[in-house]
C-alpha atoms as a PDB file:
ATOM      1  CA  MET A   1     103.462  97.077 141.457  1.00  0.00           C
ATOM      2  CA  ASN A   2     100.680  94.181 141.446  1.00  0.00           C
ATOM      3  CA  ALA A   3      98.840  93.180 138.383  1.00  0.00           C
ATOM      4  CA  ASN A   4      95.660  95.662 139.558  1.00  0.00           C
ATOM      5  CA  ASN A   5      98.018  98.591 139.921  1.00  0.00           C
ATOM      6  CA  ARG A   6      99.599  97.918 135.978  1.00  0.00           C
ATOM      7  CA  ARG A   7      95.623  98.202 135.320  1.00  0.00           C
ATOM      8  CA  SER A   8      95.002 101.405 136.598  1.00  0.00           C
ATOM      9  CA  CYS A   9      97.899 102.723 135.114  1.00  0.00           C
ATOM     10  CA  ALA A  10      97.326 101.644 131.653  1.00  0.00           C
ATOM     11  CA  LEU A  11      96.855 104.937 129.216  1.00  0.00           C
ATOM     12  CA  PRO A  12      93.713 105.115 126.778  1.00  0.00           C
ATOM     13  CA  ALA A  13      94.594 103.607 123.772  1.00  0.00           C
ATOM     14  CA  GLU A  14      94.350 106.674 121.667  1.00  0.00           C
ATOM     15  CA  VAL A  15      96.600 108.045 124.143  1.00  0.00           C
ATOM     16  CA  LEU A  16      98.685 104.792 122.736  1.00  0.00           C
ATOM     17  CA  VAL A  17      98.732 105.524 119.736  1.00  0.00           C
ATOM     18  CA  SER A  18      99.686 109.178 119.795  1.00  0.00           C
ATOM     19  CA  ILE A  19     102.572 109.196 121.617  1.00  0.00           C
ATOM     20  CA  VAL A  20     104.057 106.041 119.356  1.00  0.00           C
ATOM     21  CA  THR A  21     102.847 108.279 116.624  1.00  0.00           C
ATOM     22  CA  ALA A  22     105.292 111.076 117.878  1.00  0.00           C
ATOM     23  CA  LEU A  23     108.249 108.827 119.292  1.00  0.00           C
ATOM     24  CA  ASP A  24     111.174 108.967 117.089  1.00  0.00           C
ATOM     25  CA  PRO A  25     111.414 105.315 115.462  1.00  0.00           C
ATOM     26  CA  THR A  26     114.418 104.731 117.497  1.00  0.00           C
ATOM     27  CA  HIS A  27     112.710 105.289 120.714  1.00  0.00           C
ATOM     28  CA  ARG A  28     109.932 102.780 119.657  1.00  0.00           C
ATOM     29  CA  GLY A  29     111.526  99.686 120.567  1.00  0.00           C
ATOM     30  CA  VAL A  30     111.867 100.908 124.021  1.00  0.00           C
ATOM     31  CA  VAL A  31     108.297 101.546 124.661  1.00  0.00           C
ATOM     32  CA  ARG A  32     107.155  98.315 122.804  1.00  0.00           C
ATOM     33  CA  ASN A  33     108.346  96.489 125.898  1.00  0.00           C
ATOM     34  CA  VAL A  34     106.402  98.184 128.724  1.00  0.00           C
ATOM     35  CA  SER A  35     102.949  96.107 128.031  1.00  0.00           C
ATOM     36  CA  ARG A  36     101.287  94.300 125.449  1.00  0.00           C
ATOM     37  CA  ASP A  37      99.381  97.162 124.189  1.00  0.00           C
ATOM     38  CA  TRP A  38     102.602  99.430 123.815  1.00  0.00           C
ATOM     39  CA  ARG A  39     103.857  96.366 121.807  1.00  0.00           C
ATOM     40  CA  VAL A  40     100.775  96.430 119.587  1.00  0.00           C
ATOM     41  CA  ALA A  41     100.288 100.166 119.374  1.00  0.00           C
ATOM     42  CA  VAL A  42     104.254  99.982 117.870  1.00  0.00           C
ATOM     43  CA  ARG A  43     103.699  97.267 115.828  1.00  0.00           C
ATOM     44  CA  ALA A  44     100.362  98.934 114.282  1.00  0.00           C
ATOM     45  CA  VAL A  45     101.947 102.463 113.927  1.00  0.00           C
ATOM     46  CA  ALA A  46     105.322 100.767 111.971  1.00  0.00           C
ATOM     47  CA  GLU A  47     103.161  99.184 109.605  1.00  0.00           C
ATOM     48  CA  ALA A  48     100.601 102.398 108.881  1.00  0.00           C
ATOM     49  CA  GLY A  49     100.322 102.107 104.778  1.00  0.00           C
ATOM     50  CA  GLU A  50     100.407  98.603 104.839  1.00  0.00           C
ATOM     51  CA  GLY A  51      97.094  97.186 103.422  1.00  0.00           C
ATOM     52  CA  VAL A  52      93.885  98.029 104.727  1.00  0.00           C
ATOM     53  CA  GLY A  53      94.219  99.998 107.772  1.00  0.00           C
ATOM     54  CA  LEU A  54      92.252 102.808 109.942  1.00  0.00           C
ATOM     55  CA  ALA A  55      92.711 106.683 109.572  1.00  0.00           C
ATOM     56  CA  GLY A  56      95.231 107.398 112.877  1.00  0.00           C
ATOM     57  CA  SER A  57      97.329 110.666 114.287  1.00  0.00           C
ATOM     58  CA  GLY A  58      99.402 112.470 112.297  1.00  0.00           C
ATOM     59  CA  GLY A  59      98.035 111.169 109.298  1.00  0.00           C
ATOM     60  CA  PHE A  60      99.090 107.338 109.798  1.00  0.00           C
ATOM     61  CA  ARG A  61      96.885 104.168 108.709  1.00  0.00           C
ATOM     62  CA  LEU A  62      96.621 101.850 111.681  1.00  0.00           C
ATOM     63  CA  HIS A  63      96.987  98.252 110.013  1.00  0.00           C
ATOM     64  CA  ALA A  64      94.108  96.480 111.092  1.00  0.00           C
ATOM     65  CA  SER A  65      95.375  93.059 111.552  1.00  0.00           C
ATOM     66  CA  SER A  66      97.854  94.257 113.970  1.00  0.00           C
ATOM     67  CA  LEU A  67      95.231  96.231 116.247  1.00  0.00           C
ATOM     68  CA  CYS A  68      93.459  93.016 116.083  1.00  0.00           C
ATOM     69  CA  ASP A  69      96.338  91.774 118.651  1.00  0.00           C
ATOM     70  CA  SER A  70      94.831  94.070 121.416  1.00  0.00           C
ATOM     71  CA  LEU A  71      91.275  93.738 122.231  1.00  0.00           C
ATOM     72  CA  ASN A  72      91.473  97.191 123.946  1.00  0.00           C
ATOM     73  CA  LEU A  73      92.707  98.721 120.864  1.00  0.00           C
ATOM     74  CA  VAL A  74      90.050  97.121 119.145  1.00  0.00           C
ATOM     75  CA  LYS A  75      87.369  98.114 121.321  1.00  0.00           C
ATOM     76  CA  TRP A  76      88.611 102.067 120.850  1.00  0.00           C
ATOM     77  CA  ALA A  77      88.954 102.069 117.441  1.00  0.00           C
ATOM     78  CA  MET A  78      85.492 100.867 116.866  1.00  0.00           C
ATOM     79  CA  GLU A  79      84.505 104.032 119.376  1.00  0.00           C
ATOM     80  CA  THR A  80      86.810 106.732 117.789  1.00  0.00           C
ATOM     81  CA  GLN A  81      87.197 105.646 114.515  1.00  0.00           C
ATOM     82  CA  ASP A  82      84.882 106.552 111.277  1.00  0.00           C
ATOM     83  CA  ARG A  83      84.189 102.876 110.978  1.00  0.00           C
ATOM     84  CA  PRO A  84      85.770 101.460 107.371  1.00  0.00           C
ATOM     85  CA  TRP A  85      85.129  98.370 108.720  1.00  0.00           C
ATOM     86  CA  THR A  86      81.866  96.485 109.779  1.00  0.00           C
ATOM     87  CA  PRO A  87      82.186  94.386 113.194  1.00  0.00           C
ATOM     88  CA  GLN A  88      82.150  91.318 110.647  1.00  0.00           C
ATOM     89  CA  GLN A  89      84.940  92.391 109.429  1.00  0.00           C
ATOM     90  CA  TRP A  90      86.727  92.702 111.808  1.00  0.00           C
ATOM     91  CA  MET A  91      85.614  89.067 113.094  1.00  0.00           C
ATOM     92  CA  GLU A  92      87.259  87.968 110.244  1.00  0.00           C
ATOM     93  CA  LYS A  93      90.498  90.018 110.545  1.00  0.00           C
ATOM     94  CA  ALA A  94      91.126  88.725 114.636  1.00  0.00           C
ATOM     95  CA  ALA A  95      89.893  85.473 113.256  1.00  0.00           C
ATOM     96  CA  GLU A  96      92.619  85.293 110.061  1.00  0.00           C
ATOM     97  CA  VAL A  97      95.298  86.298 112.574  1.00  0.00           C
ATOM     98  CA  GLY A  98      94.263  83.589 115.448  1.00  0.00           C
ATOM     99  CA  GLN A  99      93.109  86.169 117.887  1.00  0.00           C
ATOM    100  CA  ARG A 100      90.081  84.669 119.376  1.00  0.00           C
ATOM    101  CA  GLU A 101      89.835  87.234 122.650  1.00  0.00           C
ATOM    102  CA  VAL A 102      88.582  89.522 119.924  1.00  0.00           C
ATOM    103  CA  VAL A 103      86.472  86.932 118.042  1.00  0.00           C
ATOM    104  CA  GLU A 104      84.525  86.107 120.936  1.00  0.00           C
ATOM    105  CA  TRP A 105      84.245  89.777 122.377  1.00  0.00           C
ATOM    106  CA  PHE A 106      82.183  90.695 119.061  1.00  0.00           C
ATOM    107  CA  ARG A 107      80.509  87.381 119.150  1.00  0.00           C
ATOM    108  CA  GLY A 108      79.464  88.751 122.892  1.00  0.00           C
ATOM    109  CA  GLN A 109      78.540  91.820 121.623  1.00  0.00           C
ATOM    110  CA  GLY A 110      75.902  90.036 119.516  1.00  0.00           C
ATOM    111  CA  HIS A 111      77.552  89.664 116.219  1.00  0.00           C
ATOM    112  CA  PRO A 112      77.354  86.149 114.626  1.00  0.00           C
ATOM    113  CA  LEU A 113      79.790  83.617 113.489  1.00  0.00           C
ATOM    114  CA  THR A 114      79.909  82.884 109.558  1.00  0.00           C
ATOM    115  CA  GLU A 115      81.148  80.959 106.872  1.00  0.00           C
ATOM    116  CA  ALA A 116      82.998  83.932 106.387  1.00  0.00           C
ATOM    117  CA  THR A 117      84.937  83.482 109.880  1.00  0.00           C
ATOM    118  CA  CYS A 118      85.934  80.550 109.548  1.00  0.00           C
ATOM    119  CA  ALA A 119      87.147  81.132 105.599  1.00  0.00           C
ATOM    120  CA  ALA A 120      89.296  83.908 107.391  1.00  0.00           C
ATOM    121  CA  ALA A 121      90.785  81.472 109.844  1.00  0.00           C
ATOM    122  CA  ALA A 122      91.922  79.009 107.028  1.00  0.00           C
ATOM    123  CA  GLY A 123      93.130  81.877 105.234  1.00  0.00           C
ATOM    124  CA  GLY A 124      95.642  82.579 107.830  1.00  0.00           C
ATOM    125  CA  GLY A 125      96.451  79.180 109.176  1.00  0.00           C
ATOM    126  CA  GLN A 126      94.511  79.043 112.184  1.00  0.00           C
ATOM    127  CA  LEU A 127      93.679  75.406 112.572  1.00  0.00           C
ATOM    128  CA  THR A 128      92.942  76.419 116.670  1.00  0.00           C
ATOM    129  CA  THR A 129      90.887  79.116 116.076  1.00  0.00           C
ATOM    130  CA  LEU A 130      88.968  77.570 113.017  1.00  0.00           C
ATOM    131  CA  GLN A 131      88.513  74.312 115.337  1.00  0.00           C
ATOM    132  CA  TRP A 132      86.598  76.441 117.782  1.00  0.00           C
ATOM    133  CA  ILE A 133      84.789  78.410 115.476  1.00  0.00           C
ATOM    134  CA  ARG A 134      83.532  75.515 114.327  1.00  0.00           C
ATOM    135  CA  ALA A 135      82.840  73.819 117.713  1.00  0.00           C
ATOM    136  CA  GLN A 136      80.568  76.451 118.312  1.00  0.00           C
ATOM    137  CA  GLY A 137      78.403  75.542 115.701  1.00  0.00           C
ATOM    138  CA  CYS A 138      79.324  77.592 112.814  1.00  0.00           C
ATOM    139  CA  GLU A 139      78.931  76.346 109.174  1.00  0.00           C
ATOM    140  CA  TRP A 140      81.274  76.435 106.479  1.00  0.00           C
ATOM    141  CA  ASP A 141      81.506  76.299 103.041  1.00  0.00           C
ATOM    142  CA  GLU A 142      83.768  76.195  99.791  1.00  0.00           C
ATOM    143  CA  ARG A 143      85.633  79.461 100.995  1.00  0.00           C
ATOM    144  CA  THR A 144      87.429  77.850 103.535  1.00  0.00           C
ATOM    145  CA  CYS A 145      88.669  75.272 101.656  1.00  0.00           C
ATOM    146  CA  ALA A 146      90.067  77.897  98.855  1.00  0.00           C
ATOM    147  CA  ALA A 147      91.494  80.049 101.450  1.00  0.00           C
ATOM    148  CA  ALA A 148      93.382  77.468 103.467  1.00  0.00           C
ATOM    149  CA  ALA A 149      94.790  76.741  99.389  1.00  0.00           C
ATOM    150  CA  ARG A 150      95.880  80.425  98.737  1.00  0.00           C
ATOM    151  CA  GLY A 151      97.589  80.745 102.033  1.00  0.00           C
ATOM    152  CA  GLY A 152      99.572  77.762 101.413  1.00  0.00           C
ATOM    153  CA  HIS A 153      97.692  75.963 104.199  1.00  0.00           C
ATOM    154  CA  TRP A 154      98.478  72.381 103.428  1.00  0.00           C
ATOM    155  CA  GLY A 155      97.582  70.653 106.732  1.00  0.00           C
ATOM    156  CA  LEU A 156      94.825  72.811 107.485  1.00  0.00           C
ATOM    157  CA  LEU A 157      92.590  71.657 104.059  1.00  0.00           C
ATOM    158  CA  GLN A 158      93.657  68.401 104.473  1.00  0.00           C
ATOM    159  CA  TRP A 159      92.157  68.490 108.192  1.00  0.00           C
ATOM    160  CA  ALA A 160      89.454  70.370 106.204  1.00  0.00           C
ATOM    161  CA  ARG A 161      88.535  67.662 103.634  1.00  0.00           C
ATOM    162  CA  ALA A 162      88.722  64.734 106.161  1.00  0.00           C
ATOM    163  CA  LEU A 163      85.879  66.709 107.984  1.00  0.00           C
ATOM    164  CA  ASP A 164      84.145  66.943 104.312  1.00  0.00           C
ATOM    165  CA  CYS A 165      84.447  70.711 104.513  1.00  0.00           C
ATOM    166  CA  PRO A 166      83.275  71.378 100.496  1.00  0.00           C
ATOM    167  CA  TRP A 167      85.707  72.637  97.810  1.00  0.00           C
ATOM    168  CA  GLY A 168      85.717  73.609  94.757  1.00  0.00           C
ATOM    169  CA  GLU A 169      87.967  74.764  91.498  1.00  0.00           C
ATOM    170  CA  GLU A 170      89.404  77.257  93.344  1.00  0.00           C
ATOM    171  CA  VAL A 171      91.664  75.119  95.656  1.00  0.00           C
ATOM    172  CA  CYS A 172      93.799  74.254  91.993  1.00  0.00           C
ATOM    173  CA  GLU A 173      93.802  77.141  91.158  1.00  0.00           C
ATOM    174  CA  HIS A 174      95.168  78.886  94.361  1.00  0.00           C
ATOM    175  CA  ALA A 175      97.513  75.192  94.483  1.00  0.00           C
ATOM    176  CA  THR A 176      98.732  76.239  91.369  1.00  0.00           C
ATOM    177  CA  GLU A 177      99.320  79.800  91.633  1.00  0.00           C
ATOM    178  CA  ARG A 178     101.547  79.170  94.932  1.00  0.00           C
ATOM    179  CA  GLY A 179     103.462  76.672  92.770  1.00  0.00           C
ATOM    180  CA  ASN A 180     102.439  73.730  95.045  1.00  0.00           C
ATOM    181  CA  LEU A 181     102.765  70.922  92.546  1.00  0.00           C
ATOM    182  CA  GLN A 182     102.270  68.358  95.443  1.00  0.00           C
ATOM    183  CA  MET A 183      99.190  70.255  96.787  1.00  0.00           C
ATOM    184  CA  LEU A 184      97.775  70.362  93.636  1.00  0.00           C
ATOM    185  CA  GLN A 185      98.171  66.575  92.506  1.00  0.00           C
ATOM    186  CA  TRP A 186      96.858  65.739  96.363  1.00  0.00           C
ATOM    187  CA  ALA A 187      94.091  67.661  95.509  1.00  0.00           C
ATOM    188  CA  LYS A 188      93.284  66.236  91.854  1.00  0.00           C
ATOM    189  CA  GLU A 189      93.329  62.750  93.885  1.00  0.00           C
ATOM    190  CA  GLN A 190      91.301  63.493  96.107  1.00  0.00           C
ATOM    191  CA  GLY A 191      88.404  64.457  93.446  1.00  0.00           C
ATOM    192  CA  CYS A 192      88.691  68.060  93.416  1.00  0.00           C
ATOM    193  CA  ARG A 193      87.665  69.633  90.421  1.00  0.00           C
ATOM    194  CA  LEU A 194      90.124  71.259  88.347  1.00  0.00           C
ATOM    195  CA  ASN A 195      89.612  73.917  85.880  1.00  0.00           C
ATOM    196  CA  GLY A 196      92.449  73.146  83.240  1.00  0.00           C
ATOM    197  CA  ARG A 197      92.129  76.407  81.911  1.00  0.00           C
ATOM    198  CA  LEU A 198      92.439  78.798  85.230  1.00  0.00           C
ATOM    199  CA  CYS A 199      95.409  76.260  86.710  1.00  0.00           C
ATOM    200  CA  MET A 200      97.480  76.767  83.207  1.00  0.00           C
ATOM    201  CA  SER A 201      97.012  80.469  83.561  1.00  0.00           C
ATOM    202  CA  ALA A 202      97.889  80.697  86.902  1.00  0.00           C
ATOM    203  CA  ALA A 203     100.933  78.173  86.442  1.00  0.00           C
ATOM    204  CA  ILE A 204     102.084  80.448  83.173  1.00  0.00           C
ATOM    205  CA  ARG A 205     102.086  83.959  86.356  1.00  0.00           C
ATOM    206  CA  ALA A 206     103.924  81.954  88.699  1.00  0.00           C
ATOM    207  CA  GLY A 207     106.482  80.748  85.854  1.00  0.00           C
ATOM    208  CA  ASP A 208     106.658  77.565  87.288  1.00  0.00           C
ATOM    209  CA  LEU A 209     107.262  75.459  84.280  1.00  0.00           C
ATOM    210  CA  GLU A 210     107.229  71.908  86.349  1.00  0.00           C
ATOM    211  CA  LEU A 211     103.569  73.087  86.910  1.00  0.00           C
ATOM    212  CA  ILE A 212     102.673  73.831  83.156  1.00  0.00           C
ATOM    213  CA  LYS A 213     103.754  70.349  82.087  1.00  0.00           C
ATOM    214  CA  TRP A 214     101.814  68.894  84.719  1.00  0.00           C
ATOM    215  CA  VAL A 215      98.760  71.000  84.164  1.00  0.00           C
ATOM    216  CA  ARG A 216      99.028  70.205  80.016  1.00  0.00           C
ATOM    217  CA  GLN A 217      99.360  66.539  81.033  1.00  0.00           C
ATOM    218  CA  GLN A 218      96.349  66.721  82.586  1.00  0.00           C
ATOM    219  CA  GLY A 219      94.987  67.021  78.733  1.00  0.00           C
ATOM    220  CA  ASN A 220      94.971  71.096  78.497  1.00  0.00           C
ATOM    221  CA  ASN A 221      96.162  72.703  75.497  1.00  0.00           C
ATOM    222  CA  LEU A 222      98.545  75.690  75.124  1.00  0.00           C
ATOM    223  CA  TYR A 223      96.960  78.803  73.331  1.00  0.00           C
ATOM    224  CA  ASN A 224      98.216  82.172  71.715  1.00  0.00           C
ATOM    225  CA  ASP A 225      97.410  83.854  75.053  1.00  0.00           C
ATOM    226  CA  ASP A 226      99.634  81.806  76.966  1.00  0.00           C
ATOM    227  CA  CYS A 227     102.435  82.830  74.672  1.00  0.00           C
ATOM    228  CA  ALA A 228     101.522  86.590  75.217  1.00  0.00           C
ATOM    229  CA  ALA A 229     101.674  86.134  79.166  1.00  0.00           C
ATOM    230  CA  ALA A 230     104.693  84.158  79.828  1.00  0.00           C
ATOM    231  CA  ALA A 231     105.911  86.899  77.839  1.00  0.00           C
ATOM    232  CA  GLU A 232     104.860  89.984  79.524  1.00  0.00           C
ATOM    233  CA  ALA A 233     105.540  88.166  83.212  1.00  0.00           C
ATOM    234  CA  GLY A 234     109.169  87.768  81.702  1.00  0.00           C
ATOM    235  CA  HIS A 235     109.099  84.018  81.774  1.00  0.00           C
ATOM    236  CA  PHE A 236     111.741  83.206  79.296  1.00  0.00           C
ATOM    237  CA  GLU A 237     112.192  79.467  80.138  1.00  0.00           C
ATOM    238  CA  VAL A 238     108.626  79.305  79.660  1.00  0.00           C
ATOM    239  CA  LEU A 239     108.289  81.119  76.492  1.00  0.00           C
ATOM    240  CA  GLN A 240     111.147  78.897  74.711  1.00  0.00           C
ATOM    241  CA  TRP A 241     109.297  75.512  75.727  1.00  0.00           C
ATOM    242  CA  MET A 242     105.683  76.651  74.770  1.00  0.00           C
ATOM    243  CA  ARG A 243     107.264  77.453  71.219  1.00  0.00           C
ATOM    244  CA  THR A 244     108.780  73.409  71.023  1.00  0.00           C
ATOM    245  CA  GLN A 245     105.465  72.289  71.966  1.00  0.00           C
ATOM    246  CA  ASN A 246     104.320  73.976  69.206  1.00  0.00           C
ATOM    247  CA  CYS A 247     102.193  76.742  71.114  1.00  0.00           C
ATOM    248  CA  GLN A 248     101.090  79.436  68.602  1.00  0.00           C
ATOM    249  CA  TRP A 249     101.811  83.326  68.843  1.00  0.00           C
ATOM    250  CA  ASP A 250     101.294  86.530  67.926  1.00  0.00           C
ATOM    251  CA  LYS A 251     101.762  90.486  68.117  1.00  0.00           C
ATOM    252  CA  ARG A 252     100.565  90.272  71.502  1.00  0.00           C
ATOM    253  CA  VAL A 253     104.125  88.308  72.669  1.00  0.00           C
ATOM    254  CA  CYS A 254     106.176  91.391  71.583  1.00  0.00           C
ATOM    255  CA  ASN A 255     103.863  94.013  73.162  1.00  0.00           C
ATOM    256  CA  GLY A 256     103.584  92.240  76.467  1.00  0.00           C
ATOM    257  CA  ALA A 257     107.255  91.853  76.620  1.00  0.00           C
ATOM    258  CA  ALA A 258     107.813  95.390  75.526  1.00  0.00           C
ATOM    259  CA  ARG A 259     105.500  96.699  77.979  1.00  0.00           C
ATOM    260  CA  SER A 260     106.942  94.975  80.447  1.00  0.00           C
ATOM    261  CA  GLY A 261     110.769  95.820  79.725  1.00  0.00           C
ATOM    262  CA  HIS A 262     111.998  92.680  78.995  1.00  0.00           C
ATOM    263  CA  LEU A 263     114.465  93.545  75.861  1.00  0.00           C
ATOM    264  CA  GLU A 264     115.892  90.310  75.988  1.00  0.00           C
ATOM    265  CA  ILE A 265     112.466  88.285  75.463  1.00  0.00           C
ATOM    266  CA  LEU A 266     111.431  90.512  72.559  1.00  0.00           C
ATOM    267  CA  GLN A 267     114.736  90.616  70.679  1.00  0.00           C
ATOM    268  CA  TRP A 268     114.616  86.716  70.768  1.00  0.00           C
ATOM    269  CA  ALA A 269     110.618  86.800  69.639  1.00  0.00           C
ATOM    270  CA  ARG A 270     111.568  88.894  66.700  1.00  0.00           C
ATOM    271  CA  THR A 271     114.462  86.439  65.478  1.00  0.00           C
ATOM    272  CA  HIS A 272     112.219  83.614  65.825  1.00  0.00           C
ATOM    273  CA  GLY A 273     109.364  85.571  63.678  1.00  0.00           C
ATOM    274  CA  CYS A 274     107.164  86.649  66.242  1.00  0.00           C
ATOM    275  CA  PRO A 275     104.776  89.334  64.185  1.00  0.00           C
ATOM    276  CA  VAL A 276     105.148  92.693  65.477  1.00  0.00           C
ATOM    277  CA  ASP A 277     102.837  95.787  64.655  1.00  0.00           C
ATOM    278  CA  VAL A 278     102.569 100.075  65.613  1.00  0.00           C
ATOM    279  CA  ASP A 279     101.540  98.882  69.193  1.00  0.00           C
ATOM    280  CA  ILE A 280     104.924  97.796  70.073  1.00  0.00           C
ATOM    281  CA  CYS A 281     106.288 101.622  70.372  1.00  0.00           C
ATOM    282  CA  MET A 282     103.607 102.554  72.520  1.00  0.00           C
ATOM    283  CA  SER A 283     103.769  99.522  74.452  1.00  0.00           C
ATOM    284  CA  ALA A 284     107.032 100.492  75.593  1.00  0.00           C
ATOM    285  CA  ALA A 285     106.010 103.761  76.510  1.00  0.00           C
ATOM    286  CA  GLU A 286     103.092 102.834  78.772  1.00  0.00           C
ATOM    287  CA  GLY A 287     105.897 100.868  80.859  1.00  0.00           C
ATOM    288  CA  GLY A 288     108.440 103.890  80.385  1.00  0.00           C
ATOM    289  CA  HIS A 289     111.032 101.808  79.000  1.00  0.00           C
ATOM    290  CA  LEU A 290     113.014 103.918  76.885  1.00  0.00           C
ATOM    291  CA  ALA A 291     115.819 101.273  76.248  1.00  0.00           C
ATOM    292  CA  VAL A 292     112.914  99.159  74.663  1.00  0.00           C
ATOM    293  CA  LEU A 293     111.501 101.932  72.531  1.00  0.00           C
ATOM    294  CA  GLN A 294     114.756 103.333  71.161  1.00  0.00           C
ATOM    295  CA  TRP A 295     115.544  99.401  69.833  1.00  0.00           C
ATOM    296  CA  ALA A 296     112.056  98.792  68.202  1.00  0.00           C
ATOM    297  CA  ARG A 297     112.864 101.908  66.269  1.00  0.00           C
ATOM    298  CA  GLU A 298     116.269 100.591  65.623  1.00  0.00           C
ATOM    299  CA  GLN A 299     114.929  97.921  64.108  1.00  0.00           C
ATOM    300  CA  GLY A 300     112.631  99.763  62.169  1.00  0.00           C
ATOM    301  CA  CYS A 301     109.139  99.322  64.187  1.00  0.00           C
ATOM    302  CA  GLY A 302     106.857 101.950  63.122  1.00  0.00           C
ATOM    303  CA  TRP A 303     104.900 104.717  65.571  1.00  0.00           C
ATOM    304  CA  ASP A 304     102.261 106.597  65.717  1.00  0.00           C
ATOM    305  CA  GLU A 305     100.440 109.358  68.063  1.00  0.00           C
ATOM    306  CA  GLY A 306      99.406 106.283  70.879  1.00  0.00           C
ATOM    307  CA  THR A 307     103.537 106.249  71.631  1.00  0.00           C
ATOM    308  CA  CYS A 308     103.583 110.064  72.923  1.00  0.00           C
ATOM    309  CA  GLY A 309     100.175 109.874  74.279  1.00  0.00           C
ATOM    310  CA  ALA A 310     101.373 106.651  76.778  1.00  0.00           C
ATOM    311  CA  ALA A 311     104.342 108.413  77.446  1.00  0.00           C
ATOM    312  CA  ALA A 312     102.284 111.692  78.505  1.00  0.00           C
ATOM    313  CA  ALA A 313      99.854 110.251  80.395  1.00  0.00           C
ATOM    314  CA  ARG A 314     101.979 107.779  82.666  1.00  0.00           C
ATOM    315  CA  GLY A 315     104.326 110.998  82.869  1.00  0.00           C
ATOM    316  CA  HIS A 316     107.051 109.379  81.108  1.00  0.00           C
ATOM    317  CA  MET A 317     108.908 112.927  79.922  1.00  0.00           C
ATOM    318  CA  GLU A 318     112.220 112.004  79.346  1.00  0.00           C
ATOM    319  CA  MET A 319     110.872 109.268  76.919  1.00  0.00           C
ATOM    320  CA  LEU A 320     107.797 111.703  75.405  1.00  0.00           C
ATOM    321  CA  GLN A 321     110.882 114.257  74.863  1.00  0.00           C
ATOM    322  CA  TRP A 322     113.145 111.649  72.812  1.00  0.00           C
ATOM    323  CA  ALA A 323     110.056 110.605  71.288  1.00  0.00           C
ATOM    324  CA  ARG A 324     109.467 114.004  69.681  1.00  0.00           C
ATOM    325  CA  GLU A 325     112.747 115.112  69.254  1.00  0.00           C
ATOM    326  CA  GLN A 326     112.593 111.825  66.763  1.00  0.00           C
ATOM    327  CA  GLY A 327     109.681 113.184  65.067  1.00  0.00           C
ATOM    328  CA  CYS A 328     107.005 111.123  66.731  1.00  0.00           C
ATOM    329  CA  PRO A 329     103.518 112.116  65.762  1.00  0.00           C
ATOM    330  CA  SER A 330     101.728 113.647  68.697  1.00  0.00           C
END
């Protein structure tokens, strides 16, 4: 069969999606080899429910980034769906996954390339697509470098900066969030603004002690909030190091550890004199951590109606029953 005949036999996108949705998952691996449109339809249905999608047959949600792999499916979605996305959003998603054909089609429909399109391509690490967008005369702004850093695309970031793409403190923050000390150091050496508080918070959330030490060496202090953040995130080594640096703490450390179920951290903190109050029991109830609540009570920690209220509000029925049996106020 020649190419023209194959095209004439192509099924409408809506039919493809309906067929794939109805297929047993074990059979989808066969039909995905029929053509590119079939392959895209299979992947879109398989990824149903992940991220932002479009309504599909049988209650599925079709992943928009997968649909962008096929211009035919994009056209179908634009014609038949409830249009949860604007054409501009479709262009940005297509740029993010490097589908220039889709971007060009929307552009041909009168939808312009924007700074957000550049940022989307950068966020997906799509250097070739970004270069093409720029070649069309599209402007860019700080979001391009920020998106590249957020996605960990250091090479693309360097390319953009070599062409004087604007950047701001978000670059350093995103490099820190990714745990990329080299990118962070490079950005600072290149004159990028570094917001010490934002970077310290990001490094603590990542639990990267090397990054935390480097950010502190740039003249940034540690605060009570930092100990609490490390405890709630379960970064035991980070919390221990902070205490050696005389970082102060308060009851939020124990509450955060209890809420997240980090009993070892909670026990260590209490052994080392960290303050605690009745909120610790409520925090354990919020997180549904019965073992933590039981330990807290064994240690003589008080409780009030907030404990039962938190357990009930979050559906932790076993915990609620235990607390009531132990005489917790409600």
